[in-house]
């Protein structure tokens, strides 16, 4: 590994450690998503608010919901990584081939 990669890895580790330290200092800080915070804000501003629709399927537990979210993230990451790798391979393949002249067949 070169110095540039080691520096980036060190920065990433420092950011993770700082976020863990800062997150652990807040009292009552739970791992909650923006959906729950938005629902709380709406309930505070409009106590008589009625949602327009309800979910089609509710996961049986928070663990299942987290698993489905992780699977969705993994699938999206895999597709993005495949696409970026494919494009890079095509680019490198074009760079290695000498300029070809099309005969117009």
N, C-alpha and C. Protein backbone atom coordinates (compact mmCIF):
# COMPACT_ATOMS: atom_id res chain seq x y z
N UNK A 1 0.85 -1.19 0.00
CA UNK A 1 0.00 0.00 0.00
C UNK A 1 0.89 1.24 0.00
N UNK A 2 0.41 2.25 -0.67
CA UNK A 2 1.20 3.46 -0.68
C UNK A 2 0.73 4.40 0.44
N UNK A 3 1.43 5.48 0.59
CA UNK A 3 1.15 6.41 1.69
C UNK A 3 -0.23 7.04 1.59
N UNK A 4 -0.68 7.27 0.37
CA UNK A 4 -2.00 7.90 0.17
C UNK A 4 -3.11 6.99 0.72
N UNK A 5 -3.04 5.69 0.41
CA UNK A 5 -4.05 4.75 0.91
C UNK A 5 -3.99 4.63 2.43
N UNK A 6 -2.80 4.57 2.98
CA UNK A 6 -2.68 4.48 4.44
C UNK A 6 -3.24 5.73 5.11
N UNK A 7 -3.03 6.88 4.50
CA UNK A 7 -3.58 8.11 5.06
C UNK A 7 -5.11 8.11 5.04
N UNK A 8 -5.69 7.63 3.94
CA UNK A 8 -7.15 7.55 3.86
C UNK A 8 -7.72 6.57 4.87
N UNK A 9 -7.06 5.44 5.06
CA UNK A 9 -7.52 4.47 6.04
C UNK A 9 -7.42 5.06 7.44
N UNK A 10 -6.36 5.77 7.74
CA UNK A 10 -6.20 6.40 9.06
C UNK A 10 -7.29 7.44 9.29
N UNK A 11 -7.61 8.23 8.29
CA UNK A 11 -8.67 9.23 8.42
C UNK A 11 -10.02 8.55 8.68
N UNK A 12 -10.29 7.46 7.96
CA UNK A 12 -11.55 6.73 8.15
C UNK A 12 -11.65 6.17 9.57
N UNK A 13 -10.56 5.61 10.07
CA UNK A 13 -10.56 5.06 11.44
C UNK A 13 -10.79 6.16 12.46
N UNK A 14 -10.15 7.30 12.28
CA UNK A 14 -10.31 8.42 13.21
C UNK A 14 -11.76 8.91 13.20
N UNK A 15 -12.36 9.02 12.02
CA UNK A 15 -13.76 9.46 11.93
C UNK A 15 -14.71 8.49 12.63
N UNK A 16 -14.48 7.19 12.47
CA UNK A 16 -15.32 6.20 13.13
C UNK A 16 -15.19 6.29 14.64
N UNK A 17 -13.96 6.41 15.13
CA UNK A 17 -13.74 6.50 16.58
C UNK A 17 -14.37 7.76 17.14
N UNK A 18 -14.21 8.88 16.46
CA UNK A 18 -14.80 10.14 16.94
C UNK A 18 -16.33 10.03 16.98
N UNK A 19 -16.93 9.44 15.95
CA UNK A 19 -18.39 9.33 15.94
C UNK A 19 -18.88 8.40 17.05
N UNK A 20 -18.13 7.34 17.35
CA UNK A 20 -18.53 6.46 18.44
C UNK A 20 -18.42 7.16 19.79
N UNK A 21 -17.37 7.94 19.95
CA UNK A 21 -17.20 8.66 21.22
C UNK A 21 -18.29 9.71 21.39
N UNK A 22 -18.56 10.48 20.34
CA UNK A 22 -19.57 11.53 20.43
C UNK A 22 -20.96 10.94 20.62
N UNK A 23 -21.26 9.84 19.95
CA UNK A 23 -22.57 9.22 20.07
C UNK A 23 -22.79 8.60 21.44
N UNK A 24 -21.73 8.12 22.06
CA UNK A 24 -21.85 7.49 23.38
C UNK A 24 -22.03 8.49 24.50
N UNK A 25 -21.73 9.74 24.28
CA UNK A 25 -21.82 10.74 25.35
C UNK A 25 -23.22 11.30 25.54
N UNK A 26 -24.09 11.16 24.56
CA UNK A 26 -25.43 11.71 24.67
C UNK A 26 -26.29 10.78 25.51
N UNK A 27 -26.92 11.34 26.52
CA UNK A 27 -27.79 10.53 27.36
C UNK A 27 -29.12 10.32 26.67
N UNK A 28 -29.63 9.11 26.77
CA UNK A 28 -30.91 8.79 26.16
C UNK A 28 -30.86 8.68 24.66
N UNK A 29 -29.65 8.65 24.09
CA UNK A 29 -29.53 8.56 22.64
C UNK A 29 -29.68 7.10 22.23
N UNK A 30 -30.74 6.83 21.52
CA UNK A 30 -30.97 5.50 21.00
C UNK A 30 -30.67 5.50 19.52
N UNK A 31 -30.51 4.32 19.00
CA UNK A 31 -30.35 4.20 17.55
C UNK A 31 -31.74 4.27 16.94
N UNK A 32 -32.13 5.45 16.51
CA UNK A 32 -33.46 5.65 15.94
C UNK A 32 -33.31 6.32 14.59
N UNK A 33 -34.20 5.97 13.69
CA UNK A 33 -34.14 6.54 12.35
C UNK A 33 -34.87 7.87 12.27
N UNK A 34 -34.80 8.47 11.12
CA UNK A 34 -35.45 9.76 10.89
C UNK A 34 -36.97 9.62 10.86
N UNK A 35 -37.47 8.43 10.52
CA UNK A 35 -38.92 8.24 10.47
C UNK A 35 -39.55 8.46 11.84
N UNK A 36 -38.95 7.89 12.86
CA UNK A 36 -39.48 8.05 14.22
C UNK A 36 -39.40 9.49 14.69
N UNK A 37 -38.32 10.16 14.35
CA UNK A 37 -38.18 11.57 14.72
C UNK A 37 -39.20 12.43 13.98
N UNK A 38 -39.46 12.12 12.72
CA UNK A 38 -40.45 12.88 11.95
C UNK A 38 -41.85 12.67 12.52
N UNK A 39 -42.15 11.43 12.89
CA UNK A 39 -43.47 11.15 13.48
C UNK A 39 -43.65 11.91 14.79
N UNK A 40 -42.61 11.98 15.59
CA UNK A 40 -42.68 12.71 16.85
C UNK A 40 -42.88 14.21 16.60
N UNK A 41 -42.20 14.75 15.60
CA UNK A 41 -42.35 16.17 15.28
C UNK A 41 -43.75 16.47 14.77
N UNK A 42 -44.29 15.60 13.93
CA UNK A 42 -45.66 15.81 13.42
C UNK A 42 -46.66 15.71 14.56
N UNK A 43 -46.48 14.75 15.45
CA UNK A 43 -47.40 14.59 16.57
C UNK A 43 -47.35 15.82 17.49
N UNK A 44 -46.21 16.45 17.60
CA UNK A 44 -46.09 17.65 18.44
C UNK A 44 -46.78 18.84 17.78
N UNK A 45 -46.58 18.98 16.45
CA UNK A 45 -47.14 20.13 15.75
C UNK A 45 -48.64 19.97 15.46
N UNK A 46 -49.06 18.78 15.08
CA UNK A 46 -50.46 18.52 14.74
C UNK A 46 -50.93 17.27 15.49
N UNK A 47 -51.42 17.41 16.71
CA UNK A 47 -51.79 16.23 17.49
C UNK A 47 -52.94 15.42 16.87
N UNK A 48 -53.80 16.04 16.07
CA UNK A 48 -54.92 15.33 15.49
C UNK A 48 -54.65 14.82 14.07
N UNK A 49 -53.40 14.76 13.68
CA UNK A 49 -53.03 14.32 12.33
C UNK A 49 -53.35 12.84 12.14
N UNK A 50 -53.96 12.50 11.00
CA UNK A 50 -54.25 11.11 10.64
C UNK A 50 -53.45 10.77 9.38
N UNK A 51 -52.67 9.69 9.39
CA UNK A 51 -51.91 9.30 8.20
C UNK A 51 -52.83 8.99 7.02
N UNK A 52 -52.36 9.20 5.82
CA UNK A 52 -53.15 8.94 4.61
C UNK A 52 -53.28 7.45 4.33
N UNK A 53 -52.28 6.68 4.69
CA UNK A 53 -52.31 5.24 4.42
C UNK A 53 -51.51 4.51 5.48
N UNK A 54 -51.64 3.21 5.50
CA UNK A 54 -50.89 2.40 6.45
C UNK A 54 -50.00 1.43 5.67
N UNK A 55 -48.96 0.90 6.30
CA UNK A 55 -48.06 -0.02 5.59
C UNK A 55 -48.80 -1.27 5.13
N UNK A 56 -48.38 -1.82 3.99
CA UNK A 56 -48.97 -3.05 3.48
C UNK A 56 -48.60 -4.23 4.37
N UNK A 57 -47.32 -4.28 4.78
CA UNK A 57 -46.84 -5.36 5.63
C UNK A 57 -45.92 -4.78 6.69
N UNK A 58 -46.13 -5.18 7.90
CA UNK A 58 -45.31 -4.72 9.02
C UNK A 58 -44.41 -5.87 9.44
N UNK A 59 -43.08 -5.70 9.45
CA UNK A 59 -42.19 -6.78 9.89
C UNK A 59 -42.52 -7.19 11.32
N UNK A 60 -42.35 -8.47 11.64
CA UNK A 60 -42.72 -8.94 12.97
C UNK A 60 -41.87 -8.37 14.10
N UNK A 61 -40.64 -7.94 13.80
CA UNK A 61 -39.79 -7.37 14.85
C UNK A 61 -38.81 -6.38 14.24
N UNK A 62 -38.17 -5.64 15.11
CA UNK A 62 -37.17 -4.68 14.67
C UNK A 62 -35.96 -5.35 14.04
N UNK A 63 -35.65 -6.58 14.50
CA UNK A 63 -34.51 -7.30 13.94
C UNK A 63 -34.76 -7.67 12.49
N UNK A 64 -35.98 -8.10 12.19
CA UNK A 64 -36.32 -8.45 10.81
C UNK A 64 -36.28 -7.21 9.93
N UNK A 65 -36.77 -6.11 10.46
CA UNK A 65 -36.73 -4.85 9.72
C UNK A 65 -35.30 -4.44 9.43
N UNK A 66 -34.42 -4.57 10.42
CA UNK A 66 -33.01 -4.26 10.23
C UNK A 66 -32.36 -5.19 9.22
N UNK A 67 -32.73 -6.49 9.26
CA UNK A 67 -32.19 -7.44 8.30
C UNK A 67 -32.60 -7.07 6.88
N UNK A 68 -33.85 -6.73 6.68
CA UNK A 68 -34.32 -6.36 5.35
C UNK A 68 -33.63 -5.10 4.85
N UNK A 69 -33.43 -4.14 5.75
CA UNK A 69 -32.72 -2.92 5.37
C UNK A 69 -31.27 -3.23 4.98
N UNK A 70 -30.61 -4.11 5.76
CA UNK A 70 -29.23 -4.49 5.45
C UNK A 70 -29.14 -5.23 4.12
N UNK A 71 -30.11 -6.10 3.84
CA UNK A 71 -30.13 -6.81 2.56
C UNK A 71 -30.32 -5.85 1.40
N UNK A 72 -31.19 -4.88 1.60
CA UNK A 72 -31.42 -3.87 0.55
C UNK A 72 -30.14 -3.07 0.30
N UNK A 73 -29.47 -2.68 1.37
CA UNK A 73 -28.22 -1.91 1.23
C UNK A 73 -27.14 -2.76 0.56
N UNK A 74 -27.05 -4.05 0.92
CA UNK A 74 -26.04 -4.92 0.32
C UNK A 74 -26.32 -5.12 -1.17
N UNK A 75 -27.58 -5.30 -1.53
CA UNK A 75 -27.92 -5.48 -2.93
C UNK A 75 -27.59 -4.22 -3.74
N UNK A 76 -27.94 -3.07 -3.22
CA UNK A 76 -27.62 -1.81 -3.91
C UNK A 76 -26.13 -1.59 -4.03
N UNK A 77 -25.39 -1.91 -2.98
CA UNK A 77 -23.94 -1.76 -3.02
C UNK A 77 -23.32 -2.72 -4.03
N UNK A 78 -23.83 -3.95 -4.05
CA UNK A 78 -23.32 -4.93 -5.00
C UNK A 78 -23.56 -4.50 -6.44
N UNK A 79 -24.75 -4.01 -6.73
CA UNK A 79 -25.05 -3.55 -8.08
C UNK A 79 -24.19 -2.35 -8.48
N UNK A 80 -24.03 -1.42 -7.56
CA UNK A 80 -23.19 -0.25 -7.85
C UNK A 80 -21.73 -0.66 -8.06
N UNK A 81 -21.23 -1.55 -7.21
CA UNK A 81 -19.85 -2.02 -7.36
C UNK A 81 -19.65 -2.77 -8.66
N UNK A 82 -20.62 -3.59 -9.06
CA UNK A 82 -20.53 -4.30 -10.33
C UNK A 82 -20.48 -3.31 -11.49
N UNK A 83 -21.37 -2.32 -11.47
CA UNK A 83 -21.40 -1.35 -12.56
C UNK A 83 -20.09 -0.57 -12.65
N UNK A 84 -19.59 -0.10 -11.51
CA UNK A 84 -18.34 0.66 -11.52
C UNK A 84 -17.17 -0.21 -11.98
N UNK A 85 -17.13 -1.46 -11.55
CA UNK A 85 -16.07 -2.37 -11.98
C UNK A 85 -16.15 -2.66 -13.47
N UNK A 86 -17.37 -2.84 -13.96
CA UNK A 86 -17.56 -3.08 -15.39
C UNK A 86 -17.07 -1.89 -16.21
N UNK A 87 -17.45 -0.69 -15.80
CA UNK A 87 -17.03 0.51 -16.53
C UNK A 87 -15.51 0.68 -16.47
N UNK A 88 -14.90 0.39 -15.33
CA UNK A 88 -13.45 0.52 -15.22
C UNK A 88 -12.76 -0.50 -16.11
N UNK A 89 -13.28 -1.73 -16.13
CA UNK A 89 -12.70 -2.75 -17.00
C UNK A 89 -12.82 -2.38 -18.46
N UNK A 90 -13.95 -1.83 -18.85
CA UNK A 90 -14.12 -1.39 -20.24
C UNK A 90 -13.14 -0.28 -20.57
N UNK A 91 -12.96 0.64 -19.64
CA UNK A 91 -12.04 1.75 -19.86
C UNK A 91 -10.60 1.25 -19.99
N UNK A 92 -10.21 0.32 -19.12
CA UNK A 92 -8.85 -0.22 -19.19
C UNK A 92 -8.66 -1.03 -20.46
N UNK A 93 -9.69 -1.75 -20.88
CA UNK A 93 -9.60 -2.54 -22.11
C UNK A 93 -9.40 -1.63 -23.32
N UNK A 94 -10.13 -0.53 -23.35
CA UNK A 94 -9.97 0.42 -24.46
C UNK A 94 -8.59 1.05 -24.45
N UNK A 95 -8.04 1.30 -23.26
CA UNK A 95 -6.73 1.93 -23.16
C UNK A 95 -5.62 0.98 -23.62
N UNK A 96 -5.79 -0.33 -23.41
CA UNK A 96 -4.77 -1.30 -23.80
C UNK A 96 -4.76 -1.59 -25.30
N UNK A 97 -5.91 -1.48 -25.94
CA UNK A 97 -6.00 -1.81 -27.36
C UNK A 97 -5.44 -0.66 -28.19
N UNK A 98 -4.68 -1.02 -29.23
CA UNK A 98 -4.20 0.05 -30.12
C UNK A 98 -5.39 0.64 -30.88
N UNK A 99 -5.19 1.83 -31.37
CA UNK A 99 -6.26 2.47 -32.15
C UNK A 99 -6.56 1.63 -33.36
N UNK A 100 -7.82 1.25 -33.46
CA UNK A 100 -8.24 0.44 -34.61
C UNK A 100 -9.03 1.32 -35.56
N UNK A 101 -8.79 1.08 -36.82
CA UNK A 101 -9.49 1.83 -37.85
C UNK A 101 -10.64 0.97 -38.34
N UNK A 102 -11.82 1.55 -38.38
CA UNK A 102 -12.99 0.82 -38.83
C UNK A 102 -12.99 0.86 -40.36
N UNK A 103 -13.08 -0.32 -40.96
CA UNK A 103 -13.05 -0.40 -42.42
C UNK A 103 -14.38 -0.03 -43.03
N UNK A 104 -15.41 0.16 -42.22
CA UNK A 104 -16.71 0.55 -42.73
C UNK A 104 -17.48 -0.62 -43.34
N UNK A 105 -17.21 -1.82 -42.86
CA UNK A 105 -17.90 -3.00 -43.40
C UNK A 105 -19.36 -2.94 -43.17
